[in-house]
PDB file of N, CA and C in Angstrom:
ATOM      1  N   ILE A   1      76.732 123.438 101.830  1.00  0.00           N
ATOM      2  CA  ILE A   1      77.762 123.467 102.856  1.00  0.00           C
ATOM      3  C   ILE A   1      78.552 122.152 102.762  1.00  0.00           C
ATOM      4  N   MET A   2      79.862 122.265 102.740  1.00  0.00           N
ATOM      5  CA  MET A   2      80.705 121.073 102.671  1.00  0.00           C
ATOM      6  C   MET A   2      80.973 120.549 104.063  1.00  0.00           C
ATOM      7  N   ASN A   3      80.951 119.259 104.199  1.00  0.00           N
ATOM      8  CA  ASN A   3      81.292 118.577 105.494  1.00  0.00           C
ATOM      9  C   ASN A   3      82.170 117.393 105.104  1.00  0.00           C
ATOM     10  N   ILE A   4      82.634 116.672 106.129  1.00  0.00           N
ATOM     11  CA  ILE A   4      83.524 115.525 105.905  1.00  0.00           C
ATOM     12  C   ILE A   4      82.864 114.450 105.046  1.00  0.00           C
ATOM     13  N   HIS A   5      81.636 114.171 105.332  1.00  0.00           N
ATOM     14  CA  HIS A   5      80.939 113.109 104.565  1.00  0.00           C
ATOM     15  C   HIS A   5      80.914 113.456 103.053  1.00  0.00           C
ATOM     16  N   LYS A   6      80.551 114.685 102.709  1.00  0.00           N
ATOM     17  CA  LYS A   6      80.544 115.103 101.315  1.00  0.00           C
ATOM     18  C   LYS A   6      81.946 115.117 100.735  1.00  0.00           C
ATOM     19  N   PHE A   7      82.882 115.597 101.524  1.00  0.00           N
ATOM     20  CA  PHE A   7      84.254 115.705 101.117  1.00  0.00           C
ATOM     21  C   PHE A   7      84.873 114.315 100.810  1.00  0.00           C
ATOM     22  N   VAL A   8      84.649 113.374 101.662  1.00  0.00           N
ATOM     23  CA  VAL A   8      85.150 111.999 101.431  1.00  0.00           C
ATOM     24  C   VAL A   8      84.468 111.379 100.234  1.00  0.00           C
ATOM     25  N   SER A   9      83.180 111.656 100.054  1.00  0.00           N
ATOM     26  CA  SER A   9      82.440 111.129  98.869  1.00  0.00           C
ATOM     27  C   SER A   9      83.106 111.645  97.576  1.00  0.00           C
ATOM     28  N   ILE A  10      83.499 112.934  97.576  1.00  0.00           N
ATOM     29  CA  ILE A  10      84.183 113.488  96.416  1.00  0.00           C
ATOM     30  C   ILE A  10      85.531 112.849  96.193  1.00  0.00           C
ATOM     31  N   ILE A  11      86.308 112.712  97.228  1.00  0.00           N
ATOM     32  CA  ILE A  11      87.625 112.068  97.144  1.00  0.00           C
ATOM     33  C   ILE A  11      87.509 110.662  96.597  1.00  0.00           C
ATOM     34  N   LYS A  12      86.522 109.931  97.064  1.00  0.00           N
ATOM     35  CA  LYS A  12      86.344 108.535  96.665  1.00  0.00           C
ATOM     36  C   LYS A  12      85.995 108.390  95.178  1.00  0.00           C
ATOM     37  N   VAL A  13      85.165 109.233  94.673  1.00  0.00           N
ATOM     38  CA  VAL A  13      84.737 109.165  93.295  1.00  0.00           C
ATOM     39  C   VAL A  13      85.668 109.916  92.334  1.00  0.00           C
ATOM     40  N   ARG A  14      86.101 111.103  92.803  1.00  0.00           N
ATOM     41  CA  ARG A  14      86.898 111.947  91.922  1.00  0.00           C
ATOM     42  C   ARG A  14      88.139 112.492  92.664  1.00  0.00           C
ATOM     43  N   PRO A  15      89.135 111.645  92.908  1.00  0.00           N
ATOM     44  CA  PRO A  15      90.303 112.080  93.651  1.00  0.00           C
ATOM     45  C   PRO A  15      91.040 113.253  92.989  1.00  0.00           C
ATOM     46  N   GLY A  16      90.942 113.368  91.675  1.00  0.00           N
ATOM     47  CA  GLY A  16      91.616 114.451  90.980  1.00  0.00           C
ATOM     48  C   GLY A  16      91.172 115.837  91.394  1.00  0.00           C
ATOM     49  N   VAL A  17      89.939 115.943  91.881  1.00  0.00           N
ATOM     50  CA  VAL A  17      89.441 117.251  92.302  1.00  0.00           C
ATOM     51  C   VAL A  17      90.275 117.776  93.507  1.00  0.00           C
ATOM     52  N   CYS A  18      90.705 116.892  94.374  1.00  0.00           N
ATOM     53  CA  CYS A  18      91.450 117.292  95.556  1.00  0.00           C
ATOM     54  C   CYS A  18      92.962 117.114  95.398  1.00  0.00           C
ATOM     55  N   PHE A  19      93.376 116.099  94.655  1.00  0.00           N
ATOM     56  CA  PHE A  19      94.793 115.749  94.603  1.00  0.00           C
ATOM     57  C   PHE A  19      95.440 116.024  93.238  1.00  0.00           C
ATOM     58  N   GLY A  20      94.636 116.489  92.296  1.00  0.00           N
ATOM     59  CA  GLY A  20      95.209 116.829  90.998  1.00  0.00           C
ATOM     60  C   GLY A  20      95.595 115.671  90.123  1.00  0.00           C
ATOM     61  N   LYS A  21      95.209 114.455  90.496  1.00  0.00           N
ATOM     62  CA  LYS A  21      95.493 113.286  89.704  1.00  0.00           C
ATOM     63  C   LYS A  21      94.418 112.205  90.004  1.00  0.00           C
ATOM     64  N   ASN A  22      94.306 111.271  89.162  1.00  0.00           N
ATOM     65  CA  ASN A  22      93.235 110.293  89.281  1.00  0.00           C
ATOM     66  C   ASN A  22      93.498 109.198  90.312  1.00  0.00           C
ATOM     67  N   LYS A  23      94.670 109.163  90.885  1.00  0.00           N
ATOM     68  CA  LYS A  23      95.007 108.112  91.850  1.00  0.00           C
ATOM     69  C   LYS A  23      95.566 108.815  93.120  1.00  0.00           C
ATOM     70  N   ILE A  24      95.116 108.318  94.252  1.00  0.00           N
ATOM     71  CA  ILE A  24      95.599 108.827  95.537  1.00  0.00           C
ATOM     72  C   ILE A  24      96.926 108.133  95.857  1.00  0.00           C
ATOM     73  N   ASP A  25      97.941 108.875  96.189  1.00  0.00           N
ATOM     74  CA  ASP A  25      99.266 108.251  96.429  1.00  0.00           C
ATOM     75  C   ASP A  25      99.327 107.477  97.736  1.00  0.00           C
ATOM     76  N   SER A  26      98.691 108.004  98.771  1.00  0.00           N
ATOM     77  CA  SER A  26      98.782 107.316 100.070  1.00  0.00           C
ATOM     78  C   SER A  26      97.596 107.652 100.963  1.00  0.00           C
ATOM     79  N   ILE A  27      97.386 106.793 101.925  1.00  0.00           N
ATOM     80  CA  ILE A  27      96.365 107.008 102.925  1.00  0.00           C
ATOM     81  C   ILE A  27      96.700 108.291 103.740  1.00  0.00           C
ATOM     82  N   SER A  28      97.975 108.589 103.896  1.00  0.00           N
ATOM     83  CA  SER A  28      98.394 109.785 104.585  1.00  0.00           C
ATOM     84  C   SER A  28      97.921 111.048 103.889  1.00  0.00           C
ATOM     85  N   ASP A  29      97.914 111.016 102.539  1.00  0.00           N
ATOM     86  CA  ASP A  29      97.427 112.169 101.797  1.00  0.00           C
ATOM     87  C   ASP A  29      95.961 112.462 102.172  1.00  0.00           C
ATOM     88  N   ILE A  30      95.184 111.457 102.240  1.00  0.00           N
ATOM     89  CA  ILE A  30      93.740 111.575 102.645  1.00  0.00           C
ATOM     90  C   ILE A  30      93.691 112.156 104.043  1.00  0.00           C
ATOM     91  N   GLY A  31      94.448 111.512 104.972  1.00  0.00           N
ATOM     92  CA  GLY A  31      94.427 111.919 106.349  1.00  0.00           C
ATOM     93  C   GLY A  31      94.813 113.377 106.603  1.00  0.00           C
ATOM     94  N   PHE A  32      95.895 113.797 105.969  1.00  0.00           N
ATOM     95  CA  PHE A  32      96.338 115.153 106.151  1.00  0.00           C
ATOM     96  C   PHE A  32      95.361 116.171 105.493  1.00  0.00           C
ATOM     97  N   PHE A  33      94.775 115.755 104.386  1.00  0.00           N
ATOM     98  CA  PHE A  33      93.801 116.626 103.713  1.00  0.00           C
ATOM     99  C   PHE A  33      92.576 116.799 104.601  1.00  0.00           C
ATOM    100  N   ILE A  34      92.126 115.714 105.207  1.00  0.00           N
ATOM    101  CA  ILE A  34      90.981 115.798 106.110  1.00  0.00           C
ATOM    102  C   ILE A  34      91.319 116.605 107.331  1.00  0.00           C
ATOM    103  N   ASN A  35      92.484 116.439 107.896  1.00  0.00           N
ATOM    104  CA  ASN A  35      92.901 117.211 109.074  1.00  0.00           C
ATOM    105  C   ASN A  35      92.918 118.706 108.728  1.00  0.00           C
ATOM    106  N   GLY A  36      93.445 119.043 107.526  1.00  0.00           N
ATOM    107  CA  GLY A  36      93.437 120.416 107.104  1.00  0.00           C
ATOM    108  C   GLY A  36      92.052 120.982 106.966  1.00  0.00           C
ATOM    109  N   PHE A  37      91.153 120.171 106.413  1.00  0.00           N
ATOM    110  CA  PHE A  37      89.728 120.567 106.281  1.00  0.00           C
ATOM    111  C   PHE A  37      89.152 120.852 107.635  1.00  0.00           C
ATOM    112  N   LEU A  38      89.368 119.970 108.616  1.00  0.00           N
ATOM    113  CA  LEU A  38      88.848 120.161 109.940  1.00  0.00           C
ATOM    114  C   LEU A  38      89.426 121.387 110.642  1.00  0.00           C
ATOM    115  N   CYS A  39      90.715 121.633 110.436  1.00  0.00           N
ATOM    116  CA  CYS A  39      91.336 122.844 110.996  1.00  0.00           C
ATOM    117  C   CYS A  39      90.729 124.105 110.413  1.00  0.00           C
ATOM    118  N   ALA A  40      90.509 124.088 109.096  1.00  0.00           N
ATOM    119  CA  ALA A  40      89.900 125.253 108.432  1.00  0.00           C
ATOM    120  C   ALA A  40      88.488 125.508 108.983  1.00  0.00           C
ATOM    121  N   GLU A  41      87.774 124.438 109.114  1.00  0.00           N
ATOM    122  CA  GLU A  41      86.392 124.524 109.673  1.00  0.00           C
ATOM    123  C   GLU A  41      86.415 125.183 111.057  1.00  0.00           C
ATOM    124  N   THR A  42      87.332 124.738 111.868  1.00  0.00           N
ATOM    125  CA  THR A  42      87.443 125.260 113.212  1.00  0.00           C
ATOM    126  C   THR A  42      87.853 126.736 113.193  1.00  0.00           C
ATOM    127  N   SER A  43      88.804 127.052 112.313  1.00  0.00           N
ATOM    128  CA  SER A  43      89.312 128.454 112.201  1.00  0.00           C
ATOM    129  C   SER A  43      88.187 129.408 111.814  1.00  0.00           C
ATOM    130  N   PHE A  44      87.284 128.935 110.944  1.00  0.00           N
ATOM    131  CA  PHE A  44      86.208 129.798 110.474  1.00  0.00           C
ATOM    132  C   PHE A  44      84.947 129.590 111.309  1.00  0.00           C
ATOM    133  N   ASN A  45      85.096 128.844 112.415  1.00  0.00           N
ATOM    134  CA  ASN A  45      83.997 128.588 113.354  1.00  0.00           C
ATOM    135  C   ASN A  45      82.742 128.021 112.641  1.00  0.00           C
ATOM    136  N   GLN A  46      82.996 127.111 111.739  1.00  0.00           N
ATOM    137  CA  GLN A  46      81.918 126.396 111.038  1.00  0.00           C
ATOM    138  C   GLN A  46      81.952 124.943 111.404  1.00  0.00           C
ATOM    139  N   LYS A  47      81.324 124.632 112.500  1.00  0.00           N
ATOM    140  CA  LYS A  47      81.340 123.287 113.033  1.00  0.00           C
ATOM    141  C   LYS A  47      80.128 122.501 112.606  1.00  0.00           C
ATOM    142  N   ASP A  48      80.384 121.355 112.006  1.00  0.00           N
ATOM    143  CA  ASP A  48      79.331 120.421 111.603  1.00  0.00           C
ATOM    144  C   ASP A  48      79.322 119.326 112.653  1.00  0.00           C
ATOM    145  N   ASP A  49      78.107 118.875 113.070  1.00  0.00           N
ATOM    146  CA  ASP A  49      78.007 117.869 114.104  1.00  0.00           C
ATOM    147  C   ASP A  49      78.775 116.583 113.748  1.00  0.00           C
ATOM    148  N   PHE A  50      78.562 116.097 112.523  1.00  0.00           N
ATOM    149  CA  PHE A  50      79.240 114.883 112.106  1.00  0.00           C
ATOM    150  C   PHE A  50      80.770 115.097 112.099  1.00  0.00           C
ATOM    151  N   ASP A  51      81.195 116.230 111.593  1.00  0.00           N
ATOM    152  CA  ASP A  51      82.642 116.524 111.514  1.00  0.00           C
ATOM    153  C   ASP A  51      83.294 116.474 112.886  1.00  0.00           C
ATOM    154  N   MET A  52      82.626 117.063 113.864  1.00  0.00           N
ATOM    155  CA  MET A  52      83.190 117.045 115.199  1.00  0.00           C
ATOM    156  C   MET A  52      83.159 115.619 115.790  1.00  0.00           C
ATOM    157  N   PHE A  53      82.113 114.890 115.482  1.00  0.00           N
ATOM    158  CA  PHE A  53      82.026 113.496 115.908  1.00  0.00           C
ATOM    159  C   PHE A  53      83.150 112.692 115.227  1.00  0.00           C
ATOM    160  N   PHE A  54      83.340 112.921 113.948  1.00  0.00           N
ATOM    161  CA  PHE A  54      84.429 112.212 113.200  1.00  0.00           C
ATOM    162  C   PHE A  54      85.797 112.524 113.856  1.00  0.00           C
ATOM    163  N   LYS A  55      86.039 113.811 114.089  1.00  0.00           N
ATOM    164  CA  LYS A  55      87.344 114.210 114.640  1.00  0.00           C
ATOM    165  C   LYS A  55      87.610 113.525 115.983  1.00  0.00           C
ATOM    166  N   ASN A  56      86.591 113.425 116.808  1.00  0.00           N
ATOM    167  CA  ASN A  56      86.750 112.852 118.146  1.00  0.00           C
ATOM    168  C   ASN A  56      86.655 111.347 118.190  1.00  0.00           C
ATOM    169  N   GLU A  57      85.841 110.724 117.364  1.00  0.00           N
ATOM    170  CA  GLU A  57      85.536 109.315 117.502  1.00  0.00           C
ATOM    171  C   GLU A  57      86.157 108.414 116.442  1.00  0.00           C
ATOM    172  N   PHE A  58      86.405 108.905 115.244  1.00  0.00           N
ATOM    173  CA  PHE A  58      86.922 108.027 114.186  1.00  0.00           C
ATOM    174  C   PHE A  58      88.280 107.401 114.549  1.00  0.00           C
ATOM    175  N   PRO A  59      89.188 108.170 115.162  1.00  0.00           N
ATOM    176  CA  PRO A  59      90.478 107.490 115.564  1.00  0.00           C
ATOM    177  C   PRO A  59      90.238 106.336 116.531  1.00  0.00           C
ATOM    178  N   LYS A  60      89.290 106.489 117.461  1.00  0.00           N
ATOM    179  CA  LYS A  60      88.963 105.402 118.387  1.00  0.00           C
ATOM    180  C   LYS A  60      88.353 104.232 117.650  1.00  0.00           C
ATOM    181  N   PHE A  61      87.471 104.506 116.727  1.00  0.00           N
ATOM    182  CA  PHE A  61      86.840 103.501 115.897  1.00  0.00           C
ATOM    183  C   PHE A  61      87.845 102.678 115.126  1.00  0.00           C
ATOM    184  N   VAL A  62      88.850 103.361 114.513  1.00  0.00           N
ATOM    185  CA  VAL A  62      89.894 102.672 113.772  1.00  0.00           C
ATOM    186  C   VAL A  62      90.764 101.854 114.708  1.00  0.00           C
ATOM    187  N   ARG A  63      91.184 102.427 115.839  1.00  0.00           N
ATOM    188  CA  ARG A  63      92.019 101.695 116.762  1.00  0.00           C
ATOM    189  C   ARG A  63      91.289 100.426 117.277  1.00  0.00           C
ATOM    190  N   LYS A  64      90.008 100.536 117.523  1.00  0.00           N
ATOM    191  CA  LYS A  64      89.212  99.366 117.987  1.00  0.00           C
ATOM    192  C   LYS A  64      89.216  98.278 116.946  1.00  0.00           C
ATOM    193  N   LYS A  65      89.072  98.655 115.659  1.00  0.00           N
ATOM    194  CA  LYS A  65      89.062  97.691 114.555  1.00  0.00           C
ATOM    195  C   LYS A  65      90.376  96.879 114.511  1.00  0.00           C
ATOM    196  N   PHE A  66      91.461  97.542 114.869  1.00  0.00           N
ATOM    197  CA  PHE A  66      92.766  96.901 114.814  1.00  0.00           C
ATOM    198  C   PHE A  66      93.282  96.482 116.187  1.00  0.00           C
ATOM    199  N   ASP A  67      92.444  96.629 117.181  1.00  0.00           N
ATOM    200  CA  ASP A  67      92.793  96.255 118.565  1.00  0.00           C
ATOM    201  C   ASP A  67      94.133  96.920 119.006  1.00  0.00           C
ATOM    202  N   VAL A  68      94.218  98.213 118.790  1.00  0.00           N
ATOM    203  CA  VAL A  68      95.397  99.011 119.155  1.00  0.00           C
ATOM    204  C   VAL A  68      95.078  99.735 120.469  1.00  0.00           C
ATOM    205  N   GLU A  69      96.021  99.726 121.349  1.00  0.00           N
ATOM    206  CA  GLU A  69      95.830 100.394 122.644  1.00  0.00           C
ATOM    207  C   GLU A  69      95.513 101.884 122.469  1.00  0.00           C
ATOM    208  N   PRO A  70      94.485 102.347 123.138  1.00  0.00           N
ATOM    209  CA  PRO A  70      94.108 103.744 122.996  1.00  0.00           C
ATOM    210  C   PRO A  70      95.120 104.733 123.590  1.00  0.00           C
ATOM    211  N   THR A  71      96.058 104.250 124.406  1.00  0.00           N
ATOM    212  CA  THR A  71      97.082 105.121 124.951  1.00  0.00           C
ATOM    213  C   THR A  71      98.139 105.526 123.936  1.00  0.00           C
ATOM    214  N   GLU A  72      98.278 104.769 122.863  1.00  0.00           N
ATOM    215  CA  GLU A  72      99.259 105.102 121.823  1.00  0.00           C
ATOM    216  C   GLU A  72      98.746 106.301 121.051  1.00  0.00           C
ATOM    217  N   PHE A  73      99.619 107.262 120.822  1.00  0.00           N
ATOM    218  CA  PHE A  73      99.179 108.359 119.940  1.00  0.00           C
ATOM    219  C   PHE A  73      99.656 108.120 118.538  1.00  0.00           C
ATOM    220  N   GLU A  74      98.702 108.085 117.653  1.00  0.00           N
ATOM    221  CA  GLU A  74      98.976 108.061 116.247  1.00  0.00           C
ATOM    222  C   GLU A  74      97.711 108.473 115.531  1.00  0.00           C
ATOM    223  N   PHE A  75      97.870 109.021 114.397  1.00  0.00           N
ATOM    224  CA  PHE A  75      96.723 109.432 113.608  1.00  0.00           C
ATOM    225  C   PHE A  75      96.011 108.168 113.128  1.00  0.00           C
ATOM    226  N   TRP A  76      94.713 108.288 112.855  1.00  0.00           N
ATOM    227  CA  TRP A  76      93.918 107.122 112.397  1.00  0.00           C
ATOM    228  C   TRP A  76      94.537 106.549 111.097  1.00  0.00           C
ATOM    229  N   PHE A  77      95.014 107.394 110.227  1.00  0.00           N
ATOM    230  CA  PHE A  77      95.564 106.914 108.968  1.00  0.00           C
ATOM    231  C   PHE A  77      96.884 106.215 109.190  1.00  0.00           C
ATOM    232  N   GLU A  78      97.648 106.546 110.259  1.00  0.00           N
ATOM    233  CA  GLU A  78      98.871 105.818 110.576  1.00  0.00           C
ATOM    234  C   GLU A  78      98.521 104.419 111.079  1.00  0.00           C
ATOM    235  N   THR A  79      97.429 104.324 111.838  1.00  0.00           N
ATOM    236  CA  THR A  79      96.982 103.026 112.329  1.00  0.00           C
ATOM    237  C   THR A  79      96.611 102.108 111.166  1.00  0.00           C
ATOM    238  N   ILE A  80      95.887 102.644 110.197  1.00  0.00           N
ATOM    239  CA  ILE A  80      95.498 101.857 109.009  1.00  0.00           C
ATOM    240  C   ILE A  80      96.765 101.467 108.245  1.00  0.00           C
ATOM    241  N   GLU A  81      97.657 102.411 108.018  1.00  0.00           N
ATOM    242  CA  GLU A  81      98.864 102.211 107.263  1.00  0.00           C
ATOM    243  C   GLU A  81      99.762 101.137 107.880  1.00  0.00           C
ATOM    244  N   LYS A  82      99.837 101.172 109.194  1.00  0.00           N
ATOM    245  CA  LYS A  82     100.685 100.226 109.960  1.00  0.00           C
ATOM    246  C   LYS A  82     100.119  98.774 109.878  1.00  0.00           C
ATOM    247  N   ASN A  83      98.823  98.670 109.766  1.00  0.00           N
ATOM    248  CA  ASN A  83      98.184  97.352 109.800  1.00  0.00           C
ATOM    249  C   ASN A  83      97.834  96.813 108.438  1.00  0.00           C
ATOM    250  N   VAL A  84      97.976  97.599 107.403  1.00  0.00           N
ATOM    251  CA  VAL A  84      97.697  97.125 106.049  1.00  0.00           C
ATOM    252  C   VAL A  84      98.937  97.496 105.224  1.00  0.00           C
ATOM    253  N   ASN A  85      99.651  96.484 104.731  1.00  0.00           N
ATOM    254  CA  ASN A  85     100.902  96.718 104.057  1.00  0.00           C
ATOM    255  C   ASN A  85     100.804  97.283 102.673  1.00  0.00           C
ATOM    256  N   ASP A  86      99.680  97.153 102.020  1.00  0.00           N
ATOM    257  CA  ASP A  86      99.500  97.601 100.645  1.00  0.00           C
ATOM    258  C   ASP A  86      98.765  98.938 100.662  1.00  0.00           C
ATOM    259  N   ASN A  87      99.312  99.932  99.946  1.00  0.00           N
ATOM    260  CA  ASN A  87      98.752 101.291  99.958  1.00  0.00           C
ATOM    261  C   ASN A  87      97.355 101.292  99.377  1.00  0.00           C
ATOM    262  N   ASP A  88      97.146 100.637  98.262  1.00  0.00           N
ATOM    263  CA  ASP A  88      95.813 100.648  97.642  1.00  0.00           C
ATOM    264  C   ASP A  88      94.767  99.989  98.577  1.00  0.00           C
ATOM    265  N   ALA A  89      95.205  98.907  99.218  1.00  0.00           N
ATOM    266  CA  ALA A  89      94.303  98.208 100.155  1.00  0.00           C
ATOM    267  C   ALA A  89      94.018  99.109 101.388  1.00  0.00           C
ATOM    268  N   ALA A  90      94.988  99.886 101.814  1.00  0.00           N
ATOM    269  CA  ALA A  90      94.787 100.790 102.916  1.00  0.00           C
ATOM    270  C   ALA A  90      93.774 101.888 102.579  1.00  0.00           C
ATOM    271  N   ILE A  91      93.882 102.419 101.395  1.00  0.00           N
ATOM    272  CA  ILE A  91      92.932 103.424 100.924  1.00  0.00           C
ATOM    273  C   ILE A  91      91.524 102.828 100.786  1.00  0.00           C
ATOM    274  N   GLU A  92      91.431 101.673 100.215  1.00  0.00           N
ATOM    275  CA  GLU A  92      90.133 101.006 100.076  1.00  0.00           C
ATOM    276  C   GLU A  92      89.514 100.703 101.434  1.00  0.00           C
ATOM    277  N   LEU A  93      90.373 100.276 102.399  1.00  0.00           N
ATOM    278  CA  LEU A  93      89.889  99.977 103.730  1.00  0.00           C
ATOM    279  C   LEU A  93      89.422 101.289 104.396  1.00  0.00           C
ATOM    280  N   PHE A  94      90.110 102.389 104.194  1.00  0.00           N
ATOM    281  CA  PHE A  94      89.675 103.644 104.789  1.00  0.00           C
ATOM    282  C   PHE A  94      88.218 103.950 104.371  1.00  0.00           C
ATOM    283  N   PHE A  95      87.978 103.842 103.044  1.00  0.00           N
ATOM    284  CA  PHE A  95      86.630 104.181 102.557  1.00  0.00           C
ATOM    285  C   PHE A  95      85.582 103.260 103.135  1.00  0.00           C
ATOM    286  N   LYS A  96      85.926 101.957 103.332  1.00  0.00           N
ATOM    287  CA  LYS A  96      84.991 101.045 103.921  1.00  0.00           C
ATOM    288  C   LYS A  96      84.750 101.387 105.412  1.00  0.00           C
ATOM    289  N   LEU A  97      85.843 101.649 106.163  1.00  0.00           N
ATOM    290  CA  LEU A  97      85.705 102.003 107.540  1.00  0.00           C
ATOM    291  C   LEU A  97      84.897 103.338 107.686  1.00  0.00           C
ATOM    292  N   PHE A  98      85.149 104.266 106.785  1.00  0.00           N
ATOM    293  CA  PHE A  98      84.431 105.553 106.832  1.00  0.00           C
ATOM    294  C   PHE A  98      82.950 105.287 106.610  1.00  0.00           C
ATOM    295  N   ASP A  99      82.628 104.495 105.599  1.00  0.00           N
ATOM    296  CA  ASP A  99      81.214 104.173 105.321  1.00  0.00           C
ATOM    297  C   ASP A  99      80.532 103.511 106.494  1.00  0.00           C
ATOM    298  N   ASP A 100      81.263 102.558 107.148  1.00  0.00           N
ATOM    299  CA  ASP A 100      80.708 101.874 108.328  1.00  0.00           C
ATOM    300  C   ASP A 100      80.537 102.845 109.474  1.00  0.00           C
ATOM    301  N   PHE A 101      81.488 103.717 109.693  1.00  0.00           N
ATOM    302  CA  PHE A 101      81.409 104.716 110.724  1.00  0.00           C
ATOM    303  C   PHE A 101      80.232 105.679 110.521  1.00  0.00           C
ATOM    304  N   TYR A 102      80.064 106.129 109.270  1.00  0.00           N
ATOM    305  CA  TYR A 102      79.008 107.039 108.945  1.00  0.00           C
ATOM    306  C   TYR A 102      77.624 106.350 109.135  1.00  0.00           C
ATOM    307  N   ALA A 103      77.539 105.110 108.701  1.00  0.00           N
ATOM    308  CA  ALA A 103      76.310 104.379 108.840  1.00  0.00           C
ATOM    309  C   ALA A 103      75.942 104.236 110.335  1.00  0.00           C
ATOM    310  N   SER A 104      76.930 103.958 111.172  1.00  0.00           N
ATOM    311  CA  SER A 104      76.670 103.872 112.604  1.00  0.00           C
ATOM    312  C   SER A 104      76.234 105.255 113.168  1.00  0.00           C
ATOM    313  N   TYR A 105      76.840 106.273 112.705  1.00  0.00           N
ATOM    314  CA  TYR A 105      76.465 107.601 113.151  1.00  0.00           C
ATOM    315  C   TYR A 105      75.016 107.941 112.776  1.00  0.00           C
ATOM    316  N   THR A 106      74.659 107.695 111.516  1.00  0.00           N
ATOM    317  CA  THR A 106      73.294 108.003 111.067  1.00  0.00           C
ATOM    318  C   THR A 106      72.240 107.174 111.807  1.00  0.00           C
ATOM    319  N   LYS A 107      72.640 105.966 112.197  1.00  0.00           N
ATOM    320  CA  LYS A 107      71.727 105.087 112.940  1.00  0.00           C
ATOM    321  C   LYS A 107      71.567 105.582 114.363  1.00  0.00           C
ATOM    322  N   ASN A 108      72.632 106.041 114.988  1.00  0.00           N
ATOM    323  CA  ASN A 108      72.614 106.412 116.403  1.00  0.00           C
ATOM    324  C   ASN A 108      72.307 107.860 116.647  1.00  0.00           C
ATOM    325  N   TYR A 109      72.570 108.717 115.675  1.00  0.00           N
ATOM    326  CA  TYR A 109      72.341 110.135 115.886  1.00  0.00           C
ATOM    327  C   TYR A 109      71.580 110.763 114.682  1.00  0.00           C
ATOM    328  N   PRO A 110      70.427 110.228 114.371  1.00  0.00           N
ATOM    329  CA  PRO A 110      69.728 110.720 113.130  1.00  0.00           C
ATOM    330  C   PRO A 110      69.276 112.161 113.231  1.00  0.00           C
ATOM    331  N   LEU A 111      69.049 112.652 114.420  1.00  0.00           N
ATOM    332  CA  LEU A 111      68.569 114.088 114.492  1.00  0.00           C
ATOM    333  C   LEU A 111      69.693 115.087 114.312  1.00  0.00           C
ATOM    334  N   LEU A 112      70.941 114.652 114.380  1.00  0.00           N
ATOM    335  CA  LEU A 112      72.045 115.561 114.246  1.00  0.00           C
ATOM    336  C   LEU A 112      72.505 115.710 112.800  1.00  0.00           C
ATOM    337  N   ILE A 113      71.982 114.895 111.885  1.00  0.00           N
ATOM    338  CA  ILE A 113      72.430 114.906 110.517  1.00  0.00           C
ATOM    339  C   ILE A 113      71.966 116.139 109.775  1.00  0.00           C
ATOM    340  N   ASN A 114      72.881 116.798 109.123  1.00  0.00           N
ATOM    341  CA  ASN A 114      72.556 117.980 108.343  1.00  0.00           C
ATOM    342  C   ASN A 114      72.577 117.589 106.883  1.00  0.00           C
ATOM    343  N   PHE A 115      71.441 117.572 106.204  1.00  0.00           N
ATOM    344  CA  PHE A 115      71.345 117.118 104.848  1.00  0.00           C
ATOM    345  C   PHE A 115      71.518 118.259 103.798  1.00  0.00           C
ATOM    346  N   ASP A 116      71.940 119.444 104.259  1.00  0.00           N
ATOM    347  CA  ASP A 116      72.118 120.565 103.310  1.00  0.00           C
ATOM    348  C   ASP A 116      73.225 120.294 102.338  1.00  0.00           C
TER     349      ASP A 116
END
């Protein structure tokens, strides 16, 4: 079963599988791809605990890292993009933030992790 953690791991190592080329053009590409993945999951009623946690909490996690007011609406990838002027650095930062976020999740919610 595919979930966001596995999906991001694939994008990180082999972006060509998802984007058709060996280099990701922008952090927005990753963000919109992930949003599409989450929408598809919801449409097919296949909810993964971490995916739902990611959807609800990752934007807050990113905003907190950049000290952005939670009342502003913007996608998490827009927050990263706005605060990191270099596209490659923004993509690299996303993967680091994602890894930190996932590590925090596994530490705080170990019983919810699906290892399938």
